[in-house]
Amino acid sequence: MMPSGEDGLRLELLDVSQRLLDQGLNRGTSGNAAVRCGDGILITPSAMSVAKMTPADMVRMDLNGNVLCGGKPTSEWRFHRDILANRPDVGAVIHTHSAFATTLACLRKDVPAVHYMIAAAGGNTIRCTPYALFGEQALSDYVLSALEGRKACLLANHGMIALGSDLTDALTVTIEVEFLCELYWRALQAGEPHILTPQQMHDVQEKFVDYKKCT
């Protein structure tokens, strides 16, 4: 049985980090993740390979950015902190350098409604931020704007961010967004994909609401 409280969250954070690596969504020391923990957050450490991580390596921080327990947090702690401080609906944040999301991010392309499952990311598009240096407040500011009303965004010339109510939900969104990015990239190789209309996407969102009520 998974331990509860902070110990359980530390194990979950390690497990999700390992799953991101196993599924090829991250590699080496790239990417990071954070989860809400009481009045603060738990976040993955800086520049440490997942193979060497333990639950004790996860860093506990407050929402002012102060380290409360552990070593050095990931250099991207600012956008994790800012998302969790500004989005009470979000319990976990995952950042990856997955191949297809990053490819589109290098093209600085929003992902349009090429497939109805774009709605899983919270809207009719997956937005791409302007470019900013990793770890800087400017990037976090761009991220908050791109995530307004959304559960995912791309980071120009960098990667992607996915949000969830918990780490399991955030991982589900991450996997879905990478699939959608791959789908859009492949469709662009064959021609110009047909994009669903705002009304069609509105109908999808309503259907999703009904679907969730039945599950």
Protein backbone atom coordinates (compact mmCIF):
# COMPACT_ATOMS: atom_id res chain seq x y z
CA MET A 1 0.00 0.00 0.00
CA MET A 2 1.26 3.48 -0.93
CA PRO A 3 2.13 5.58 2.15
CA SER A 4 -0.11 8.58 2.73
CA GLY A 5 0.79 12.24 3.22
CA GLU A 6 4.14 13.66 2.20
CA ASP A 7 5.86 10.26 2.11
CA GLY A 8 3.28 9.02 -0.38
CA LEU A 9 3.65 12.10 -2.56
CA ARG A 10 7.43 11.67 -2.61
CA LEU A 11 6.99 8.10 -3.87
CA GLU A 12 4.43 9.21 -6.46
CA LEU A 13 6.74 11.95 -7.73
CA LEU A 14 9.54 9.43 -8.16
CA ASP A 15 7.22 6.94 -9.86
CA VAL A 16 5.94 9.54 -12.34
CA SER A 17 9.51 10.66 -13.10
CA GLN A 18 10.45 7.05 -13.84
CA ARG A 19 7.39 6.53 -16.03
CA LEU A 20 8.16 9.67 -18.05
CA LEU A 21 11.64 8.28 -18.70
CA ASP A 22 10.41 4.76 -19.49
CA GLN A 23 7.88 6.10 -22.02
CA GLY A 24 10.47 8.27 -23.76
CA LEU A 25 8.79 11.52 -22.72
CA ASN A 26 11.98 12.62 -20.96
CA ARG A 27 15.60 11.51 -21.17
CA GLY A 28 18.67 11.97 -19.05
CA THR A 29 18.10 14.82 -16.61
CA SER A 30 15.60 16.66 -18.81
CA GLY A 31 12.12 17.58 -17.57
CA ASN A 32 10.75 17.88 -14.07
CA ALA A 33 7.56 17.57 -12.04
CA ALA A 34 5.92 19.01 -8.95
CA VAL A 35 2.92 18.22 -6.76
CA ARG A 36 0.97 20.25 -4.24
CA CYS A 37 1.87 19.26 -0.66
CA GLY A 38 -0.09 20.97 2.09
CA ASP A 39 0.55 24.72 1.85
CA GLY A 40 3.60 24.20 -0.37
CA ILE A 41 4.97 21.91 -3.06
CA LEU A 42 7.23 18.92 -3.58
CA ILE A 43 9.41 19.18 -6.67
CA THR A 44 12.08 17.12 -8.38
CA PRO A 45 15.74 18.04 -7.73
CA SER A 46 18.10 19.85 -10.08
CA ALA A 47 20.38 18.03 -12.55
CA MET A 48 19.82 14.54 -11.12
CA SER A 49 19.17 11.52 -13.32
CA VAL A 50 15.97 9.67 -12.51
CA ALA A 51 17.98 6.46 -12.10
CA LYS A 52 19.70 8.01 -9.08
CA MET A 53 16.66 9.72 -7.54
CA THR A 54 15.09 8.54 -4.31
CA PRO A 55 11.97 9.82 -2.53
CA ALA A 56 14.24 11.66 -0.09
CA ASP A 57 15.70 13.70 -2.97
CA MET A 58 12.39 15.46 -3.66
CA VAL A 59 12.60 19.09 -2.52
CA ARG A 60 9.90 20.67 -0.36
CA MET A 61 9.30 24.38 -0.99
CA ASP A 62 6.81 26.99 0.14
CA LEU A 63 4.85 29.12 -2.32
CA ASN A 64 7.30 31.98 -1.84
CA GLY A 65 10.03 29.87 -3.42
CA ASN A 66 11.90 29.05 -0.21
CA VAL A 67 13.40 25.57 0.20
CA LEU A 68 12.03 23.98 3.37
CA CYS A 69 13.55 20.53 3.06
CA GLY A 70 16.07 18.99 0.68
CA GLY A 71 18.70 20.21 -1.72
CA LYS A 72 18.52 22.31 -4.87
CA PRO A 73 15.20 22.22 -6.76
CA THR A 74 14.94 21.99 -10.53
CA SER A 75 15.90 25.22 -12.29
CA GLU A 76 12.29 25.41 -13.50
CA TRP A 77 10.84 25.73 -9.99
CA ARG A 78 9.43 29.19 -10.77
CA PHE A 79 6.78 28.08 -13.21
CA HIS A 80 5.85 25.09 -11.05
CA ARG A 81 5.47 27.39 -8.04
CA ASP A 82 3.58 30.05 -9.99
CA ILE A 83 1.15 27.57 -11.54
CA LEU A 84 0.34 25.93 -8.21
CA ALA A 85 0.05 29.32 -6.48
CA ASN A 86 -2.30 30.74 -9.12
CA ARG A 87 -4.33 27.68 -10.12
CA PRO A 88 -6.23 26.17 -7.16
CA ASP A 89 -7.73 23.64 -9.58
CA VAL A 90 -4.26 22.19 -10.26
CA GLY A 91 -2.59 19.67 -7.97
CA ALA A 92 0.38 18.62 -10.10
CA VAL A 93 2.58 19.93 -12.93
CA ILE A 94 4.70 17.93 -15.38
CA HIS A 95 7.28 19.42 -17.75
CA THR A 96 8.83 17.33 -20.53
CA HIS A 97 11.09 17.63 -23.53
CA SER A 98 9.11 14.97 -25.41
CA ALA A 99 9.99 14.71 -29.10
CA PHE A 100 6.82 15.77 -30.94
CA ALA A 101 5.72 18.47 -28.50
CA THR A 102 9.23 19.92 -28.61
CA THR A 103 9.33 19.71 -32.42
CA LEU A 104 6.19 21.86 -32.69
CA ALA A 105 7.53 24.14 -29.95
CA CYS A 106 10.66 24.69 -32.06
CA LEU A 107 8.35 25.71 -34.91
CA ARG A 108 6.53 27.95 -32.41
CA LYS A 109 3.21 26.49 -33.50
CA ASP A 110 0.00 26.35 -31.50
CA VAL A 111 -1.69 22.98 -31.89
CA PRO A 112 -5.14 23.59 -33.42
CA ALA A 113 -8.25 21.41 -33.13
CA VAL A 114 -6.84 18.79 -35.49
CA HIS A 115 -8.52 16.10 -33.35
CA TYR A 116 -11.40 16.36 -30.90
CA MET A 117 -9.17 15.19 -28.02
CA ILE A 118 -7.53 18.62 -28.06
CA ALA A 119 -10.40 19.33 -25.65
CA ALA A 120 -8.58 17.17 -23.06
CA ALA A 121 -6.11 20.05 -22.76
CA GLY A 122 -8.93 22.39 -21.80
CA GLY A 123 -9.78 24.34 -24.94
CA ASN A 124 -9.77 24.53 -28.75
CA THR A 125 -5.98 24.82 -29.01
CA ILE A 126 -2.78 24.03 -27.20
CA ARG A 127 -0.98 27.37 -27.11
CA CYS A 128 2.76 27.88 -27.57
CA THR A 129 4.48 30.51 -25.43
CA PRO A 130 6.98 33.05 -26.75
CA TYR A 131 10.60 32.09 -26.10
CA ALA A 132 12.29 32.89 -22.79
CA LEU A 133 15.40 31.51 -21.11
CA PHE A 134 14.78 28.41 -19.00
CA GLY A 135 14.45 28.98 -15.28
CA GLU A 136 13.70 32.71 -15.60
CA GLN A 137 10.63 34.56 -14.35
CA ALA A 138 9.84 35.73 -17.89
CA LEU A 139 9.23 32.12 -18.92
CA SER A 140 6.93 31.57 -15.96
CA ASP A 141 4.95 34.69 -16.87
CA TYR A 142 4.53 33.45 -20.45
CA VAL A 143 3.48 30.02 -19.14
CA LEU A 144 0.74 31.42 -16.90
CA SER A 145 -0.68 33.35 -19.84
CA ALA A 146 -0.57 30.37 -22.22
CA LEU A 147 -2.22 28.13 -19.61
CA GLU A 148 -5.15 30.45 -18.95
CA GLY A 149 -8.18 28.19 -19.25
CA ARG A 150 -5.93 25.30 -20.34
CA LYS A 151 -4.32 22.15 -18.94
CA ALA A 152 -1.30 22.17 -21.25
CA CYS A 153 0.93 24.43 -23.32
CA LEU A 154 4.08 24.29 -25.41
CA LEU A 155 7.21 26.28 -24.54
CA ALA A 156 8.89 27.84 -27.57
CA ASN A 157 12.13 26.02 -28.48
CA HIS A 158 11.90 24.08 -25.23
CA GLY A 159 9.16 21.53 -24.51
CA MET A 160 5.72 21.23 -22.94
CA ILE A 161 3.86 21.57 -19.65
CA ALA A 162 0.83 19.52 -18.58
CA LEU A 163 -1.38 20.05 -15.54
CA GLY A 164 -3.63 17.74 -13.56
CA SER A 165 -5.66 17.46 -10.41
CA ASP A 166 -2.97 15.04 -9.21
CA LEU A 167 0.14 13.41 -10.65
CA THR A 168 -1.81 10.60 -12.31
CA ASP A 169 -4.07 13.10 -14.07
CA ALA A 170 -1.09 15.25 -15.12
CA LEU A 171 0.64 12.19 -16.57
CA THR A 172 -2.51 11.31 -18.53
CA VAL A 173 -2.61 14.83 -19.99
CA THR A 174 1.12 14.67 -20.81
CA ILE A 175 0.72 11.42 -22.76
CA GLU A 176 -2.36 12.71 -24.60
CA VAL A 177 -0.71 16.00 -25.56
CA GLU A 178 2.37 14.23 -26.91
CA PHE A 179 0.09 11.99 -29.01
CA LEU A 180 -1.80 15.03 -30.34
CA CYS A 181 1.46 16.78 -31.21
CA GLU A 182 2.63 13.68 -33.06
CA LEU A 183 -0.70 13.45 -34.87
CA TYR A 184 -0.55 17.10 -35.95
CA TRP A 185 3.08 16.81 -37.07
CA ARG A 186 2.29 13.70 -39.13
CA ALA A 187 -0.80 15.31 -40.69
CA LEU A 188 1.29 18.32 -41.72
CA GLN A 189 3.69 16.00 -43.58
CA ALA A 190 0.81 14.68 -45.68
CA GLY A 191 -0.92 17.99 -46.38
CA GLU A 192 -3.04 20.59 -44.67
CA PRO A 193 -5.23 18.97 -42.00
CA HIS A 194 -8.88 19.92 -41.63
CA ILE A 195 -9.41 21.75 -38.33
CA LEU A 196 -12.58 21.31 -36.29
CA THR A 197 -14.71 24.44 -36.00
CA PRO A 198 -15.32 26.29 -32.72
CA GLN A 199 -18.89 24.95 -32.71
CA GLN A 200 -17.69 21.38 -33.20
CA MET A 201 -15.24 21.79 -30.34
CA HIS A 202 -17.99 23.34 -28.17
CA ASP A 203 -20.06 20.22 -28.82
CA VAL A 204 -17.09 18.05 -27.79
CA GLN A 205 -16.67 19.98 -24.52
CA GLU A 206 -20.36 19.50 -23.70
CA LYS A 207 -20.07 15.80 -24.50
CA PHE A 208 -17.06 15.55 -22.19
CA VAL A 209 -19.11 17.05 -19.34
CA ASP A 210 -21.85 14.47 -19.87
CA TYR A 211 -19.26 11.70 -20.14
CA LYS A 212 -17.60 12.64 -16.84
CA LYS A 213 -20.99 12.62 -15.11
CA CYS A 214 -21.42 9.00 -16.19
CA THR A 215 -17.99 7.79 -15.06
